[in-house]
């Protein structure tokens, strides 16, 4: 049986694909692999401390709920994030 911390223990939950068509499932898997790679690179290049070791759900919650401002200066977009959030190297 499958056993993960918070998920179901039924194997059919983990064996399903989002579509019936093979090409759509292949594209979905490619996008899932790309998202995993981008998350790993984000942790490696831009995160410090707790966020570098945080799980995906924690990372998503902390980054999407972070108070930040997008400003324009000299035709460049700059994202201003408050200090102490764990971002920036």
PDB file of N, CA and C in Angstrom:
ATOM      1  N   UNK A   1       0.830  -1.196   0.000  1.00  0.00           N
ATOM      2  CA  UNK A   1       0.000   0.000   0.000  1.00  0.00           C
ATOM      3  C   UNK A   1       0.866   1.247   0.000  1.00  0.00           C
ATOM      4  N   UNK A   2       0.352   2.252  -0.612  1.00  0.00           N
ATOM      5  CA  UNK A   2       1.019   3.551  -0.593  1.00  0.00           C
ATOM      6  C   UNK A   2       0.761   4.185   0.760  1.00  0.00           C
ATOM      7  N   UNK A   3       1.771   4.819   1.301  1.00  0.00           N
ATOM      8  CA  UNK A   3       1.575   5.503   2.567  1.00  0.00           C
ATOM      9  C   UNK A   3       2.397   6.772   2.558  1.00  0.00           C
ATOM     10  N   UNK A   4       1.722   7.893   2.485  1.00  0.00           N
ATOM     11  CA  UNK A   4       2.386   9.182   2.615  1.00  0.00           C
ATOM     12  C   UNK A   4       1.784   9.890   3.811  1.00  0.00           C
ATOM     13  N   UNK A   5       2.435  10.927   4.264  1.00  0.00           N
ATOM     14  CA  UNK A   5       2.033  11.595   5.484  1.00  0.00           C
ATOM     15  C   UNK A   5       0.596  12.054   5.537  1.00  0.00           C
ATOM     16  N   UNK A   6       0.136  12.796   4.552  1.00  0.00           N
ATOM     17  CA  UNK A   6      -1.197  13.362   4.642  1.00  0.00           C
ATOM     18  C   UNK A   6      -2.107  12.898   3.520  1.00  0.00           C
ATOM     19  N   UNK A   7      -1.630  12.064   2.639  1.00  0.00           N
ATOM     20  CA  UNK A   7      -2.398  11.652   1.480  1.00  0.00           C
ATOM     21  C   UNK A   7      -3.148  10.358   1.763  1.00  0.00           C
ATOM     22  N   UNK A   8      -3.910   9.971   0.801  1.00  0.00           N
ATOM     23  CA  UNK A   8      -4.653   8.723   0.899  1.00  0.00           C
ATOM     24  C   UNK A   8      -3.707   7.535   0.761  1.00  0.00           C
ATOM     25  N   UNK A   9      -4.116   6.399   1.263  1.00  0.00           N
ATOM     26  CA  UNK A   9      -3.278   5.207   1.164  1.00  0.00           C
ATOM     27  C   UNK A   9      -3.698   4.313   0.002  1.00  0.00           C
ATOM     28  N   UNK A  10      -4.634   4.759  -0.829  1.00  0.00           N
ATOM     29  CA  UNK A  10      -5.082   3.952  -1.962  1.00  0.00           C
ATOM     30  C   UNK A  10      -4.140   4.139  -3.144  1.00  0.00           C
ATOM     31  N   UNK A  11      -3.651   3.051  -3.762  1.00  0.00           N
ATOM     32  CA  UNK A  11      -2.711   3.188  -4.884  1.00  0.00           C
ATOM     33  C   UNK A  11      -3.348   3.778  -6.127  1.00  0.00           C
ATOM     34  N   UNK A  12      -4.672   3.611  -6.320  1.00  0.00           N
ATOM     35  CA  UNK A  12      -5.295   4.155  -7.529  1.00  0.00           C
ATOM     36  C   UNK A  12      -5.299   5.679  -7.541  1.00  0.00           C
ATOM     37  N   UNK A  13      -5.197   6.310  -6.390  1.00  0.00           N
ATOM     38  CA  UNK A  13      -5.109   7.767  -6.347  1.00  0.00           C
ATOM     39  C   UNK A  13      -3.792   8.225  -6.956  1.00  0.00           C
ATOM     40  N   UNK A  14      -2.729   7.500  -6.707  1.00  0.00           N
ATOM     41  CA  UNK A  14      -1.411   7.880  -7.189  1.00  0.00           C
ATOM     42  C   UNK A  14      -1.149   7.416  -8.614  1.00  0.00           C
ATOM     43  N   UNK A  15      -1.961   6.506  -9.139  1.00  0.00           N
ATOM     44  CA  UNK A  15      -1.725   5.951 -10.462  1.00  0.00           C
ATOM     45  C   UNK A  15      -2.537   6.648 -11.543  1.00  0.00           C
ATOM     46  N   UNK A  16      -3.367   7.603 -11.200  1.00  0.00           N
ATOM     47  CA  UNK A  16      -4.213   8.244 -12.202  1.00  0.00           C
ATOM     48  C   UNK A  16      -3.475   9.368 -12.899  1.00  0.00           C
ATOM     49  N   UNK A  17      -3.874   9.608 -14.133  1.00  0.00           N
ATOM     50  CA  UNK A  17      -3.341  10.711 -14.921  1.00  0.00           C
ATOM     51  C   UNK A  17      -4.460  11.714 -15.150  1.00  0.00           C
ATOM     52  N   UNK A  18      -4.122  12.974 -15.429  1.00  0.00           N
ATOM     53  CA  UNK A  18      -5.158  13.994 -15.544  1.00  0.00           C
ATOM     54  C   UNK A  18      -6.005  13.899 -16.808  1.00  0.00           C
ATOM     55  N   UNK A  19      -5.566  13.175 -17.827  1.00  0.00           N
ATOM     56  CA  UNK A  19      -6.329  13.094 -19.073  1.00  0.00           C
ATOM     57  C   UNK A  19      -6.300  11.667 -19.606  1.00  0.00           C
ATOM     58  N   UNK A  20      -7.162  11.399 -20.570  1.00  0.00           N
ATOM     59  CA  UNK A  20      -7.207  10.080 -21.190  1.00  0.00           C
ATOM     60  C   UNK A  20      -6.184   9.980 -22.314  1.00  0.00           C
ATOM     61  N   UNK A  21      -5.948  11.069 -22.996  1.00  0.00           N
ATOM     62  CA  UNK A  21      -5.043  11.110 -24.143  1.00  0.00           C
ATOM     63  C   UNK A  21      -3.581  11.025 -23.688  1.00  0.00           C
ATOM     64  N   UNK A  22      -2.784  10.211 -24.368  1.00  0.00           N
ATOM     65  CA  UNK A  22      -1.378  10.033 -24.016  1.00  0.00           C
ATOM     66  C   UNK A  22      -0.590  11.335 -24.177  1.00  0.00           C
ATOM     67  N   UNK A  23      -0.832  12.076 -25.257  1.00  0.00           N
ATOM     68  CA  UNK A  23      -0.084  13.311 -25.506  1.00  0.00           C
ATOM     69  C   UNK A  23      -0.336  14.354 -24.418  1.00  0.00           C
ATOM     70  N   UNK A  24      -1.564  14.459 -23.980  1.00  0.00           N
ATOM     71  CA  UNK A  24      -1.872  15.415 -22.905  1.00  0.00           C
ATOM     72  C   UNK A  24      -1.190  15.008 -21.601  1.00  0.00           C
ATOM     73  N   UNK A  25      -1.195  13.721 -21.306  1.00  0.00           N
ATOM     74  CA  UNK A  25      -0.521  13.249 -20.097  1.00  0.00           C
ATOM     75  C   UNK A  25       0.983  13.463 -20.182  1.00  0.00           C
ATOM     76  N   UNK A  26       1.553  13.277 -21.369  1.00  0.00           N
ATOM     77  CA  UNK A  26       2.989  13.513 -21.544  1.00  0.00           C
ATOM     78  C   UNK A  26       3.314  14.986 -21.327  1.00  0.00           C
ATOM     79  N   UNK A  27       2.467  15.873 -21.864  1.00  0.00           N
ATOM     80  CA  UNK A  27       2.681  17.308 -21.661  1.00  0.00           C
ATOM     81  C   UNK A  27       2.531  17.670 -20.186  1.00  0.00           C
ATOM     82  N   UNK A  28       1.551  17.061 -19.509  1.00  0.00           N
ATOM     83  CA  UNK A  28       1.352  17.333 -18.090  1.00  0.00           C
ATOM     84  C   UNK A  28       2.568  16.901 -17.280  1.00  0.00           C
ATOM     85  N   UNK A  29       3.125  15.740 -17.615  1.00  0.00           N
ATOM     86  CA  UNK A  29       4.318  15.268 -16.908  1.00  0.00           C
ATOM     87  C   UNK A  29       5.524  16.160 -17.177  1.00  0.00           C
ATOM     88  N   UNK A  30       5.651  16.642 -18.399  1.00  0.00           N
ATOM     89  CA  UNK A  30       6.750  17.561 -18.726  1.00  0.00           C
ATOM     90  C   UNK A  30       6.622  18.848 -17.909  1.00  0.00           C
ATOM     91  N   UNK A  31       5.407  19.382 -17.814  1.00  0.00           N
ATOM     92  CA  UNK A  31       5.195  20.601 -17.024  1.00  0.00           C
ATOM     93  C   UNK A  31       5.441  20.355 -15.537  1.00  0.00           C
ATOM     94  N   UNK A  32       5.062  19.191 -15.044  1.00  0.00           N
ATOM     95  CA  UNK A  32       5.327  18.864 -13.641  1.00  0.00           C
ATOM     96  C   UNK A  32       6.826  18.769 -13.381  1.00  0.00           C
ATOM     97  N   UNK A  33       7.565  18.181 -14.314  1.00  0.00           N
ATOM     98  CA  UNK A  33       9.023  18.099 -14.171  1.00  0.00           C
ATOM     99  C   UNK A  33       9.657  19.484 -14.238  1.00  0.00           C
ATOM    100  N   UNK A  34       9.142  20.341 -15.124  1.00  0.00           N
ATOM    101  CA  UNK A  34       9.646  21.712 -15.220  1.00  0.00           C
ATOM    102  C   UNK A  34       9.389  22.483 -13.927  1.00  0.00           C
ATOM    103  N   UNK A  35       8.204  22.329 -13.356  1.00  0.00           N
ATOM    104  CA  UNK A  35       7.885  23.006 -12.096  1.00  0.00           C
ATOM    105  C   UNK A  35       8.794  22.531 -10.969  1.00  0.00           C
ATOM    106  N   UNK A  36       9.089  21.251 -10.937  1.00  0.00           N
ATOM    107  CA  UNK A  36       9.996  20.711  -9.923  1.00  0.00           C
ATOM    108  C   UNK A  36      11.398  21.280 -10.087  1.00  0.00           C
ATOM    109  N   UNK A  37      11.863  21.358 -11.328  1.00  0.00           N
ATOM    110  CA  UNK A  37      13.197  21.910 -11.590  1.00  0.00           C
ATOM    111  C   UNK A  37      13.267  23.389 -11.230  1.00  0.00           C
ATOM    112  N   UNK A  38      12.234  24.152 -11.588  1.00  0.00           N
ATOM    113  CA  UNK A  38      12.225  25.580 -11.260  1.00  0.00           C
ATOM    114  C   UNK A  38      12.205  25.807  -9.754  1.00  0.00           C
ATOM    115  N   UNK A  39      11.476  24.975  -9.024  1.00  0.00           N
ATOM    116  CA  UNK A  39      11.454  25.088  -7.568  1.00  0.00           C
ATOM    117  C   UNK A  39      12.827  24.791  -6.982  1.00  0.00           C
ATOM    118  N   UNK A  40      13.498  23.781  -7.510  1.00  0.00           N
ATOM    119  CA  UNK A  40      14.841  23.445  -7.021  1.00  0.00           C
ATOM    120  C   UNK A  40      15.825  24.576  -7.304  1.00  0.00           C
ATOM    121  N   UNK A  41      15.765  25.159  -8.496  1.00  0.00           N
ATOM    122  CA  UNK A  41      16.660  26.276  -8.822  1.00  0.00           C
ATOM    123  C   UNK A  41      16.342  27.502  -7.967  1.00  0.00           C
ATOM    124  N   UNK A  42      15.065  27.759  -7.712  1.00  0.00           N
ATOM    125  CA  UNK A  42      14.691  28.882  -6.847  1.00  0.00           C
ATOM    126  C   UNK A  42      15.282  28.699  -5.460  1.00  0.00           C
ATOM    127  N   UNK A  43      15.179  27.488  -4.913  1.00  0.00           N
ATOM    128  CA  UNK A  43      15.759  27.223  -3.594  1.00  0.00           C
ATOM    129  C   UNK A  43      17.266  27.417  -3.597  1.00  0.00           C
ATOM    130  N   UNK A  44      17.901  26.969  -4.653  1.00  0.00           N
ATOM    131  CA  UNK A  44      19.363  27.020  -4.722  1.00  0.00           C
ATOM    132  C   UNK A  44      19.888  28.444  -4.915  1.00  0.00           C
ATOM    133  N   UNK A  45      19.216  29.237  -5.733  1.00  0.00           N
ATOM    134  CA  UNK A  45      19.747  30.545  -6.105  1.00  0.00           C
ATOM    135  C   UNK A  45      19.197  31.717  -5.302  1.00  0.00           C
ATOM    136  N   UNK A  46      17.966  31.636  -4.823  1.00  0.00           N
ATOM    137  CA  UNK A  46      17.349  32.837  -4.275  1.00  0.00           C
ATOM    138  C   UNK A  46      16.891  32.739  -2.829  1.00  0.00           C
ATOM    139  N   UNK A  47      16.913  31.581  -2.227  1.00  0.00           N
ATOM    140  CA  UNK A  47      16.348  31.454  -0.888  1.00  0.00           C
ATOM    141  C   UNK A  47      17.418  31.172   0.153  1.00  0.00           C
ATOM    142  N   UNK A  48      17.178  31.673   1.350  1.00  0.00           N
ATOM    143  CA  UNK A  48      18.083  31.479   2.479  1.00  0.00           C
ATOM    144  C   UNK A  48      17.329  30.827   3.632  1.00  0.00           C
ATOM    145  N   UNK A  49      18.067  30.265   4.542  1.00  0.00           N
ATOM    146  CA  UNK A  49      17.525  29.811   5.822  1.00  0.00           C
ATOM    147  C   UNK A  49      16.412  28.794   5.710  1.00  0.00           C
ATOM    148  N   UNK A  50      15.302  29.091   6.398  1.00  0.00           N
ATOM    149  CA  UNK A  50      14.177  28.165   6.476  1.00  0.00           C
ATOM    150  C   UNK A  50      13.547  27.895   5.118  1.00  0.00           C
ATOM    151  N   UNK A  51      13.432  28.926   4.289  1.00  0.00           N
ATOM    152  CA  UNK A  51      12.768  28.738   3.003  1.00  0.00           C
ATOM    153  C   UNK A  51      13.557  27.849   2.059  1.00  0.00           C
ATOM    154  N   UNK A  52      14.868  27.812   2.195  1.00  0.00           N
ATOM    155  CA  UNK A  52      15.673  26.953   1.326  1.00  0.00           C
ATOM    156  C   UNK A  52      15.419  25.481   1.619  1.00  0.00           C
ATOM    157  N   UNK A  53      14.963  25.177   2.821  1.00  0.00           N
ATOM    158  CA  UNK A  53      14.713  23.786   3.211  1.00  0.00           C
ATOM    159  C   UNK A  53      13.233  23.477   3.361  1.00  0.00           C
ATOM    160  N   UNK A  54      12.370  24.446   3.084  1.00  0.00           N
ATOM    161  CA  UNK A  54      10.935  24.270   3.288  1.00  0.00           C
ATOM    162  C   UNK A  54      10.328  23.376   2.216  1.00  0.00           C
ATOM    163  N   UNK A  55       9.197  22.782   2.549  1.00  0.00           N
ATOM    164  CA  UNK A  55       8.458  21.970   1.589  1.00  0.00           C
ATOM    165  C   UNK A  55       7.765  22.849   0.559  1.00  0.00           C
ATOM    166  N   UNK A  56       7.229  22.209  -0.449  1.00  0.00           N
ATOM    167  CA  UNK A  56       6.616  22.945  -1.551  1.00  0.00           C
ATOM    168  C   UNK A  56       5.395  23.737  -1.100  1.00  0.00           C
ATOM    169  N   UNK A  57       4.543  23.148  -0.272  1.00  0.00           N
ATOM    170  CA  UNK A  57       3.347  23.860   0.189  1.00  0.00           C
ATOM    171  C   UNK A  57       3.721  25.057   1.066  1.00  0.00           C
ATOM    172  N   UNK A  58       4.687  24.889   1.943  1.00  0.00           N
ATOM    173  CA  UNK A  58       5.144  25.993   2.782  1.00  0.00           C
ATOM    174  C   UNK A  58       5.752  27.089   1.933  1.00  0.00           C
ATOM    175  N   UNK A  59       6.553  26.703   0.971  1.00  0.00           N
ATOM    176  CA  UNK A  59       7.181  27.667   0.077  1.00  0.00           C
ATOM    177  C   UNK A  59       6.130  28.446  -0.698  1.00  0.00           C
ATOM    178  N   UNK A  60       5.141  27.750  -1.232  1.00  0.00           N
ATOM    179  CA  UNK A  60       4.074  28.409  -1.985  1.00  0.00           C
ATOM    180  C   UNK A  60       3.304  29.379  -1.098  1.00  0.00           C
ATOM    181  N   UNK A  61       2.959  28.956   0.109  1.00  0.00           N
ATOM    182  CA  UNK A  61       2.205  29.819   1.015  1.00  0.00           C
ATOM    183  C   UNK A  61       3.009  31.048   1.414  1.00  0.00           C
ATOM    184  N   UNK A  62       4.278  30.856   1.797  1.00  0.00           N
ATOM    185  CA  UNK A  62       5.085  31.976   2.278  1.00  0.00           C
ATOM    186  C   UNK A  62       5.400  32.973   1.174  1.00  0.00           C
ATOM    187  N   UNK A  63       5.646  32.492  -0.052  1.00  0.00           N
ATOM    188  CA  UNK A  63       5.979  33.406  -1.141  1.00  0.00           C
ATOM    189  C   UNK A  63       4.757  34.117  -1.695  1.00  0.00           C
ATOM    190  N   UNK A  64       3.637  33.417  -1.810  1.00  0.00           N
ATOM    191  CA  UNK A  64       2.446  34.044  -2.372  1.00  0.00           C
ATOM    192  C   UNK A  64       1.744  34.965  -1.384  1.00  0.00           C
ATOM    193  N   UNK A  65       1.968  34.772  -0.103  1.00  0.00           N
ATOM    194  CA  UNK A  65       1.341  35.647   0.882  1.00  0.00           C
ATOM    195  C   UNK A  65       2.296  36.731   1.387  1.00  0.00           C
ATOM    196  N   UNK A  66       3.457  36.844   0.777  1.00  0.00           N
ATOM    197  CA  UNK A  66       4.445  37.838   1.205  1.00  0.00           C
ATOM    198  C   UNK A  66       4.022  39.235   0.755  1.00  0.00           C
ATOM    199  N   UNK A  67       4.108  40.214   1.643  1.00  0.00           N
ATOM    200  CA  UNK A  67       3.810  41.587   1.240  1.00  0.00           C
ATOM    201  C   UNK A  67       4.981  42.145   0.433  1.00  0.00           C
ATOM    202  N   UNK A  68       4.732  42.495  -0.795  1.00  0.00           N
ATOM    203  CA  UNK A  68       5.789  43.023  -1.660  1.00  0.00           C
ATOM    204  C   UNK A  68       5.196  44.102  -2.555  1.00  0.00           C
ATOM    205  N   UNK A  69       6.079  44.955  -3.066  1.00  0.00           N
ATOM    206  CA  UNK A  69       5.649  46.010  -3.982  1.00  0.00           C
ATOM    207  C   UNK A  69       6.442  45.898  -5.271  1.00  0.00           C
ATOM    208  N   UNK A  70       5.756  46.047  -6.384  1.00  0.00           N
ATOM    209  CA  UNK A  70       6.408  46.071  -7.683  1.00  0.00           C
ATOM    210  C   UNK A  70       6.531  47.533  -8.090  1.00  0.00           C
ATOM    211  N   UNK A  71       7.771  48.009  -8.227  1.00  0.00           N
ATOM    212  CA  UNK A  71       7.995  49.406  -8.589  1.00  0.00           C
ATOM    213  C   UNK A  71       8.723  49.472  -9.924  1.00  0.00           C
ATOM    214  N   UNK A  72       8.598  50.599 -10.573  1.00  0.00           N
ATOM    215  CA  UNK A  72       9.301  50.843 -11.828  1.00  0.00           C
ATOM    216  C   UNK A  72      10.289  51.971 -11.606  1.00  0.00           C
ATOM    217  N   UNK A  73      11.541  51.711 -11.961  1.00  0.00           N
ATOM    218  CA  UNK A  73      12.588  52.710 -11.826  1.00  0.00           C
ATOM    219  C   UNK A  73      13.488  52.604 -13.046  1.00  0.00           C
ATOM    220  N   UNK A  74      13.640  53.690 -13.761  1.00  0.00           N
ATOM    221  CA  UNK A  74      14.478  53.743 -14.956  1.00  0.00           C
ATOM    222  C   UNK A  74      14.095  52.642 -15.949  1.00  0.00           C
ATOM    223  N   UNK A  75      12.812  52.508 -16.182  1.00  0.00           N
ATOM    224  CA  UNK A  75      12.248  51.524 -17.109  1.00  0.00           C
ATOM    225  C   UNK A  75      12.512  50.077 -16.707  1.00  0.00           C
ATOM    226  N   UNK A  76      12.834  49.861 -15.463  1.00  0.00           N
ATOM    227  CA  UNK A  76      13.061  48.504 -14.970  1.00  0.00           C
ATOM    228  C   UNK A  76      12.042  48.190 -13.884  1.00  0.00           C
ATOM    229  N   UNK A  77      11.570  46.979 -13.864  1.00  0.00           N
ATOM    230  CA  UNK A  77      10.646  46.523 -12.829  1.00  0.00           C
ATOM    231  C   UNK A  77      11.464  45.934 -11.684  1.00  0.00           C
ATOM    232  N   UNK A  78      11.168  46.367 -10.465  1.00  0.00           N
ATOM    233  CA  UNK A  78      11.880  45.908  -9.273  1.00  0.00           C
ATOM    234  C   UNK A  78      10.842  45.442  -8.259  1.00  0.00           C
ATOM    235  N   UNK A  79      11.052  44.255  -7.728  1.00  0.00           N
ATOM    236  CA  UNK A  79      10.173  43.720  -6.701  1.00  0.00           C
ATOM    237  C   UNK A  79      10.797  44.006  -5.341  1.00  0.00           C
ATOM    238  N   UNK A  80      10.143  44.833  -4.551  1.00  0.00           N
ATOM    239  CA  UNK A  80      10.625  45.194  -3.220  1.00  0.00           C
ATOM    240  C   UNK A  80       9.981  44.272  -2.192  1.00  0.00           C
ATOM    241  N   UNK A  81      10.813  43.476  -1.537  1.00  0.00           N
ATOM    242  CA  UNK A  81      10.362  42.522  -0.527  1.00  0.00           C
ATOM    243  C   UNK A  81      10.937  42.964   0.811  1.00  0.00           C
ATOM    244  N   UNK A  82      10.142  42.928   1.883  1.00  0.00           N
ATOM    245  CA  UNK A  82      10.665  43.343   3.183  1.00  0.00           C
ATOM    246  C   UNK A  82      11.779  42.422   3.664  1.00  0.00           C
ATOM    247  N   UNK A  83      12.749  42.963   4.406  1.00  0.00           N
ATOM    248  CA  UNK A  83      13.842  42.127   4.923  1.00  0.00           C
ATOM    249  C   UNK A  83      13.328  41.130   5.960  1.00  0.00           C
ATOM    250  N   UNK A  84      14.081  40.075   6.154  1.00  0.00           N
ATOM    251  CA  UNK A  84      13.705  39.074   7.134  1.00  0.00           C
ATOM    252  C   UNK A  84      12.757  38.019   6.608  1.00  0.00           C
ATOM    253  N   UNK A  85      12.488  38.034   5.316  1.00  0.00           N
ATOM    254  CA  UNK A  85      11.573  37.061   4.734  1.00  0.00           C
ATOM    255  C   UNK A  85      12.296  35.804   4.280  1.00  0.00           C
ATOM    256  N   UNK A  86      13.613  35.864   4.207  1.00  0.00           N
ATOM    257  CA  UNK A  86      14.387  34.708   3.780  1.00  0.00           C
ATOM    258  C   UNK A  86      14.740  34.739   2.312  1.00  0.00           C
ATOM    259  N   UNK A  87      14.447  35.843   1.649  1.00  0.00           N
ATOM    260  CA  UNK A  87      14.757  35.977   0.228  1.00  0.00           C
ATOM    261  C   UNK A  87      16.015  36.795   0.054  1.00  0.00           C
ATOM    262  N   UNK A  88      16.725  36.521  -1.002  1.00  0.00           N
ATOM    263  CA  UNK A  88      17.860  37.354  -1.363  1.00  0.00           C
ATOM    264  C   UNK A  88      19.182  36.812  -0.909  1.00  0.00           C
ATOM    265  N   UNK A  89      20.038  36.661  -1.880  1.00  0.00           N
ATOM    266  CA  UNK A  89      21.424  36.292  -1.633  1.00  0.00           C
ATOM    267  C   UNK A  89      22.281  37.261  -2.358  1.00  0.00           C
TER     268      UNK A  89
END
